Amino acid sequence: MLTKRKKTATVKEAGIHEKDTGSPEVQIALLSKRIDELTTHLRKHGKDKHSRRGLLQMVANRRTHLKYLEGNDKKRYNAIVRKLNLKK
C-alpha cells in the first residue's frame, strides 16, 4: 500500500510545482509506484486473481496517461519515461 509519506515524496519528485497532484507526470509516477508494490505482492501470492486484475487495470490506465502525454507534449513524455525507467 502506498503510504502518505511515499505518496507526497513521489508528488514532489514528479510534480511541476509543490501542490501538483493532477498533472499526467504525477499520475504516471503514482501509478508506477502502485504497480511496483502490487507486482512484489503478486510474486509472493501467485493465486491472488483479484489483485492481478487491479494490476492490469492500473497498467492500462498508466498506458492511457502516457499516450495522452506523448500526443500533447513529446518533451515531457520523454522526460517522464527517462525518469521512471519505463519502456517506450
N, C-alpha and C. Protein backbone atom coordinates (compact mmCIF):
# COMPACT_ATOMS: atom_id res chain seq x y z
N MET A 1 0.84 -1.17 0.00
CA MET A 1 0.00 0.00 0.00
C MET A 1 0.89 1.24 0.00
N LEU A 2 0.49 2.21 -0.75
CA LEU A 2 1.24 3.45 -0.87
C LEU A 2 0.90 4.34 0.33
N THR A 3 1.89 4.56 1.21
CA THR A 3 1.65 5.38 2.39
C THR A 3 1.64 6.86 2.01
N LYS A 4 1.14 7.67 2.93
CA LYS A 4 1.04 9.11 2.67
C LYS A 4 2.43 9.72 2.46
N ARG A 5 3.39 9.26 3.20
CA ARG A 5 4.76 9.79 3.09
C ARG A 5 5.36 9.46 1.73
N LYS A 6 5.18 8.22 1.27
CA LYS A 6 5.69 7.82 -0.05
C LYS A 6 4.99 8.59 -1.16
N LYS A 7 3.69 8.80 -0.98
CA LYS A 7 2.91 9.50 -1.99
C LYS A 7 3.34 10.96 -2.12
N THR A 8 3.54 11.64 -0.99
CA THR A 8 3.97 13.04 -1.06
C THR A 8 5.37 13.15 -1.63
N ALA A 9 6.24 12.19 -1.33
CA ALA A 9 7.59 12.21 -1.90
C ALA A 9 7.53 12.03 -3.42
N THR A 10 6.67 11.15 -3.87
CA THR A 10 6.52 10.92 -5.31
C THR A 10 5.95 12.14 -6.00
N VAL A 11 4.99 12.81 -5.36
CA VAL A 11 4.39 14.02 -5.94
C VAL A 11 5.43 15.12 -6.04
N LYS A 12 6.24 15.31 -5.00
CA LYS A 12 7.29 16.33 -5.03
C LYS A 12 8.32 16.03 -6.12
N GLU A 13 8.64 14.76 -6.29
CA GLU A 13 9.65 14.35 -7.25
C GLU A 13 9.18 14.53 -8.70
N ALA A 14 7.93 14.20 -8.97
CA ALA A 14 7.44 14.21 -10.34
C ALA A 14 6.63 15.44 -10.70
N GLY A 15 6.18 16.19 -9.70
CA GLY A 15 5.28 17.31 -9.97
C GLY A 15 5.97 18.52 -10.55
N ILE A 16 5.17 19.34 -11.19
CA ILE A 16 5.67 20.58 -11.78
C ILE A 16 5.87 21.63 -10.69
N HIS A 17 4.93 21.70 -9.75
CA HIS A 17 5.06 22.60 -8.61
C HIS A 17 4.67 21.84 -7.35
N GLU A 18 4.76 22.48 -6.20
CA GLU A 18 4.61 21.80 -4.91
C GLU A 18 3.24 21.14 -4.70
N LYS A 19 2.17 21.81 -5.10
CA LYS A 19 0.83 21.30 -4.87
C LYS A 19 0.28 20.51 -6.06
N ASP A 20 1.12 20.17 -6.99
CA ASP A 20 0.70 19.50 -8.21
C ASP A 20 0.34 18.04 -7.94
N THR A 21 -0.93 17.69 -8.14
CA THR A 21 -1.34 16.30 -7.99
C THR A 21 -2.08 15.78 -9.21
N GLY A 22 -2.40 16.64 -10.16
CA GLY A 22 -3.23 16.23 -11.27
C GLY A 22 -2.54 16.15 -12.60
N SER A 23 -1.29 16.57 -12.68
CA SER A 23 -0.61 16.53 -13.97
C SER A 23 -0.36 15.09 -14.39
N PRO A 24 -0.24 14.84 -15.67
CA PRO A 24 -0.01 13.47 -16.13
C PRO A 24 1.26 12.85 -15.56
N GLU A 25 2.30 13.68 -15.37
CA GLU A 25 3.55 13.15 -14.82
C GLU A 25 3.35 12.58 -13.42
N VAL A 26 2.60 13.30 -12.59
CA VAL A 26 2.35 12.83 -11.22
C VAL A 26 1.49 11.58 -11.25
N GLN A 27 0.46 11.58 -12.07
CA GLN A 27 -0.42 10.41 -12.16
C GLN A 27 0.36 9.18 -12.61
N ILE A 28 1.24 9.35 -13.59
CA ILE A 28 2.05 8.23 -14.09
C ILE A 28 3.00 7.74 -13.01
N ALA A 29 3.62 8.67 -12.29
CA ALA A 29 4.55 8.29 -11.23
C ALA A 29 3.85 7.54 -10.10
N LEU A 30 2.67 8.01 -9.70
CA LEU A 30 1.93 7.34 -8.64
C LEU A 30 1.46 5.95 -9.08
N LEU A 31 0.99 5.86 -10.30
CA LEU A 31 0.59 4.54 -10.81
C LEU A 31 1.78 3.60 -10.88
N SER A 32 2.94 4.11 -11.26
CA SER A 32 4.13 3.26 -11.35
C SER A 32 4.53 2.73 -9.98
N LYS A 33 4.45 3.58 -8.95
CA LYS A 33 4.76 3.13 -7.59
C LYS A 33 3.78 2.04 -7.15
N ARG A 34 2.48 2.26 -7.40
CA ARG A 34 1.49 1.27 -7.01
C ARG A 34 1.67 -0.03 -7.78
N ILE A 35 2.04 0.06 -9.05
CA ILE A 35 2.27 -1.12 -9.87
C ILE A 35 3.45 -1.91 -9.34
N ASP A 36 4.53 -1.22 -8.96
CA ASP A 36 5.70 -1.89 -8.41
C ASP A 36 5.37 -2.63 -7.11
N GLU A 37 4.61 -1.97 -6.23
CA GLU A 37 4.25 -2.62 -4.97
C GLU A 37 3.34 -3.82 -5.19
N LEU A 38 2.40 -3.69 -6.11
CA LEU A 38 1.48 -4.79 -6.37
C LEU A 38 2.19 -5.95 -7.07
N THR A 39 3.19 -5.64 -7.88
CA THR A 39 3.96 -6.69 -8.53
C THR A 39 4.72 -7.53 -7.51
N THR A 40 5.31 -6.87 -6.50
CA THR A 40 6.01 -7.65 -5.47
C THR A 40 5.02 -8.48 -4.66
N HIS A 41 3.82 -7.96 -4.43
CA HIS A 41 2.80 -8.74 -3.73
C HIS A 41 2.42 -9.98 -4.53
N LEU A 42 2.26 -9.81 -5.84
CA LEU A 42 1.82 -10.94 -6.67
C LEU A 42 2.92 -11.98 -6.86
N ARG A 43 4.17 -11.59 -6.72
CA ARG A 43 5.23 -12.60 -6.76
C ARG A 43 5.14 -13.52 -5.56
N LYS A 44 4.72 -12.98 -4.44
CA LYS A 44 4.59 -13.78 -3.22
C LYS A 44 3.28 -14.57 -3.20
N HIS A 45 2.20 -13.95 -3.70
CA HIS A 45 0.87 -14.56 -3.67
C HIS A 45 0.40 -14.76 -5.11
N GLY A 46 0.85 -15.82 -5.73
CA GLY A 46 0.60 -16.05 -7.15
C GLY A 46 -0.84 -16.32 -7.52
N LYS A 47 -1.65 -16.78 -6.59
CA LYS A 47 -3.03 -17.14 -6.91
C LYS A 47 -4.03 -16.02 -6.62
N ASP A 48 -3.54 -14.84 -6.31
CA ASP A 48 -4.41 -13.70 -5.99
C ASP A 48 -4.91 -13.07 -7.30
N LYS A 49 -5.99 -13.62 -7.82
CA LYS A 49 -6.51 -13.20 -9.12
C LYS A 49 -7.15 -11.81 -9.07
N HIS A 50 -7.75 -11.44 -7.94
CA HIS A 50 -8.40 -10.14 -7.84
C HIS A 50 -7.37 -9.01 -7.90
N SER A 51 -6.24 -9.20 -7.23
CA SER A 51 -5.19 -8.18 -7.27
C SER A 51 -4.55 -8.12 -8.65
N ARG A 52 -4.46 -9.25 -9.32
CA ARG A 52 -3.90 -9.27 -10.67
C ARG A 52 -4.78 -8.45 -11.62
N ARG A 53 -6.08 -8.54 -11.45
CA ARG A 53 -7.00 -7.76 -12.28
C ARG A 53 -6.80 -6.26 -12.03
N GLY A 54 -6.64 -5.90 -10.77
CA GLY A 54 -6.38 -4.50 -10.44
C GLY A 54 -5.08 -4.01 -11.02
N LEU A 55 -4.07 -4.89 -11.01
CA LEU A 55 -2.77 -4.54 -11.60
C LEU A 55 -2.92 -4.28 -13.09
N LEU A 56 -3.64 -5.13 -13.78
CA LEU A 56 -3.83 -4.93 -15.22
C LEU A 56 -4.59 -3.64 -15.52
N GLN A 57 -5.53 -3.29 -14.67
CA GLN A 57 -6.26 -2.03 -14.85
C GLN A 57 -5.33 -0.83 -14.65
N MET A 58 -4.45 -0.92 -13.65
CA MET A 58 -3.51 0.18 -13.41
C MET A 58 -2.52 0.33 -14.56
N VAL A 59 -2.05 -0.79 -15.10
CA VAL A 59 -1.13 -0.73 -16.24
C VAL A 59 -1.82 -0.10 -17.44
N ALA A 60 -3.07 -0.45 -17.67
CA ALA A 60 -3.80 0.14 -18.79
C ALA A 60 -4.03 1.63 -18.57
N ASN A 61 -4.32 2.01 -17.34
CA ASN A 61 -4.53 3.42 -17.01
C ASN A 61 -3.24 4.22 -17.21
N ARG A 62 -2.12 3.66 -16.78
CA ARG A 62 -0.82 4.32 -16.97
C ARG A 62 -0.51 4.45 -18.45
N ARG A 63 -0.81 3.42 -19.22
CA ARG A 63 -0.56 3.47 -20.66
C ARG A 63 -1.39 4.58 -21.31
N THR A 64 -2.64 4.75 -20.85
CA THR A 64 -3.50 5.81 -21.36
C THR A 64 -2.92 7.19 -21.05
N HIS A 65 -2.45 7.37 -19.83
CA HIS A 65 -1.83 8.64 -19.46
C HIS A 65 -0.57 8.90 -20.29
N LEU A 66 0.22 7.87 -20.51
CA LEU A 66 1.43 8.04 -21.32
C LEU A 66 1.10 8.40 -22.76
N LYS A 67 0.08 7.76 -23.30
CA LYS A 67 -0.33 8.05 -24.67
C LYS A 67 -0.83 9.49 -24.80
N TYR A 68 -1.58 9.95 -23.80
CA TYR A 68 -2.05 11.33 -23.79
C TYR A 68 -0.87 12.31 -23.77
N LEU A 69 0.07 12.05 -22.89
CA LEU A 69 1.22 12.94 -22.75
C LEU A 69 2.08 12.92 -24.01
N GLU A 70 2.22 11.76 -24.62
CA GLU A 70 3.01 11.65 -25.85
C GLU A 70 2.37 12.46 -26.98
N GLY A 71 1.06 12.44 -27.04
CA GLY A 71 0.38 13.18 -28.09
C GLY A 71 0.40 14.68 -27.90
N ASN A 72 0.41 15.13 -26.64
CA ASN A 72 0.32 16.57 -26.37
C ASN A 72 1.67 17.24 -26.19
N ASP A 73 2.62 16.57 -25.53
CA ASP A 73 3.91 17.19 -25.27
C ASP A 73 5.00 16.12 -25.25
N LYS A 74 5.65 15.94 -26.38
CA LYS A 74 6.64 14.88 -26.55
C LYS A 74 7.83 15.05 -25.60
N LYS A 75 8.20 16.31 -25.32
CA LYS A 75 9.35 16.56 -24.46
C LYS A 75 9.08 16.10 -23.02
N ARG A 76 7.89 16.41 -22.51
CA ARG A 76 7.51 15.97 -21.16
C ARG A 76 7.37 14.46 -21.11
N TYR A 77 6.86 13.86 -22.18
CA TYR A 77 6.74 12.41 -22.26
C TYR A 77 8.10 11.74 -22.15
N ASN A 78 9.06 12.22 -22.95
CA ASN A 78 10.41 11.64 -22.91
C ASN A 78 11.06 11.82 -21.55
N ALA A 79 10.81 12.95 -20.90
CA ALA A 79 11.40 13.20 -19.58
C ALA A 79 10.86 12.23 -18.54
N ILE A 80 9.55 12.00 -18.53
CA ILE A 80 8.97 11.11 -17.51
C ILE A 80 9.34 9.64 -17.80
N VAL A 81 9.45 9.27 -19.04
CA VAL A 81 9.86 7.90 -19.37
C VAL A 81 11.30 7.66 -18.91
N ARG A 82 12.15 8.64 -19.13
CA ARG A 82 13.55 8.53 -18.70
C ARG A 82 13.64 8.51 -17.18
N LYS A 83 12.87 9.37 -16.51
CA LYS A 83 12.95 9.49 -15.05
C LYS A 83 12.49 8.21 -14.37
N LEU A 84 11.45 7.57 -14.90
CA LEU A 84 10.88 6.38 -14.27
C LEU A 84 11.41 5.07 -14.84
N ASN A 85 12.29 5.16 -15.83
CA ASN A 85 12.87 3.97 -16.48
C ASN A 85 11.78 3.07 -17.05
N LEU A 86 10.85 3.67 -17.79
CA LEU A 86 9.78 2.90 -18.43
C LEU A 86 10.16 2.54 -19.84
N LYS A 87 9.60 1.45 -20.33
CA LYS A 87 9.81 1.08 -21.73
C LYS A 87 8.91 1.92 -22.60
N LYS A 88 9.38 2.25 -23.78
CA LYS A 88 8.57 3.05 -24.69
C LYS A 88 7.59 2.18 -25.43
